[in-house]
Protein backbone atom coordinates (compact mmCIF):
# COMPACT_ATOMS: atom_id res chain seq x y z
CA MET A 1 1.87 3.25 5.89
CA SER A 2 6.29 2.86 6.56
CA ASP A 3 8.05 5.56 4.66
CA ASP A 4 10.24 2.36 3.19
CA PRO A 5 7.22 0.79 1.23
CA VAL A 6 10.31 -1.73 -0.26
CA GLY A 7 10.82 -2.82 3.45
CA VAL A 8 7.07 -3.22 4.03
CA VAL A 9 6.73 -5.35 0.87
CA THR A 10 10.60 -7.80 1.75
CA ARG A 11 9.24 -8.19 5.90
CA TRP A 12 5.68 -9.01 4.60
CA GLU A 13 7.82 -11.92 2.37
CA ASP A 14 10.05 -13.04 5.24
CA ALA A 15 7.28 -13.41 7.37
CA GLY A 16 5.69 -15.99 5.38
CA GLY A 17 2.85 -13.86 3.13
CA GLU A 18 2.72 -12.61 -0.33
CA TRP A 19 2.66 -9.71 -2.20
CA ARG A 20 1.23 -9.79 -5.61
CA VAL A 21 0.78 -6.16 -8.00
CA VAL A 22 -2.82 -5.58 -8.14
CA ALA A 23 -2.35 -2.29 -10.59
CA ARG A 24 0.32 -0.13 -12.20
CA THR A 25 -1.00 3.62 -13.18
CA ALA A 26 0.96 6.91 -13.88
CA ALA A 27 0.24 7.57 -10.00
CA GLY A 28 2.24 4.93 -8.88
CA VAL A 29 2.14 1.01 -8.38
CA THR A 30 -0.76 -0.49 -5.59
CA VAL A 31 0.87 -4.12 -4.22
CA ALA A 32 -1.59 -6.27 -1.94
CA LEU A 33 -0.88 -8.02 0.85
CA CYS A 34 -1.53 -11.67 1.26
CA ARG A 35 -1.64 -14.29 3.23
CA CYS A 36 1.02 -17.07 2.54
CA ASP A 37 -2.53 -20.11 3.27
CA GLY A 38 -4.73 -19.23 0.19
CA GLY A 39 -3.96 -15.54 -0.73
CA GLU A 40 -6.55 -14.03 1.46
CA GLU A 41 -5.41 -10.58 1.28
CA VAL A 42 -5.41 -8.49 4.30
CA ASP A 43 -4.04 -5.23 3.03
CA ARG A 44 -3.24 -2.91 0.16
CA PHE A 45 -0.74 0.08 -0.60
CA THR A 46 0.19 2.18 -3.61
CA SER A 47 3.32 3.93 -4.14
CA ALA A 48 4.89 6.28 -6.27
CA ASP A 49 8.02 5.30 -4.39
CA PRO A 50 10.47 4.90 -7.51
CA ALA A 51 12.46 2.30 -5.10
CA LEU A 52 9.69 -0.19 -4.82
CA VAL A 53 8.83 0.36 -9.27
CA GLU A 54 12.54 -0.78 -9.52
CA PHE A 55 12.26 -3.24 -6.99
CA LEU A 56 8.80 -4.89 -8.18
CA ALA A 57 10.80 -4.56 -12.08
CA ARG A 58 12.52 -6.58 -10.76
CA ARG A 59 10.72 -9.04 -9.25
CA GLY A 60 9.40 -10.33 -12.12
């Protein structure tokens, strides 16, 4: 995975994909990367990066 989880999410979104938070724990947040045509999950990652946590908090 990239050292920039916010970049991963924004590039995925910019390419037309969807993402969703599937878990929040003390260890971090887990994000599912999904296809734009039906929401099938393609990948997921977990990160405790404070920038990602803040980014996701601002997004909803």
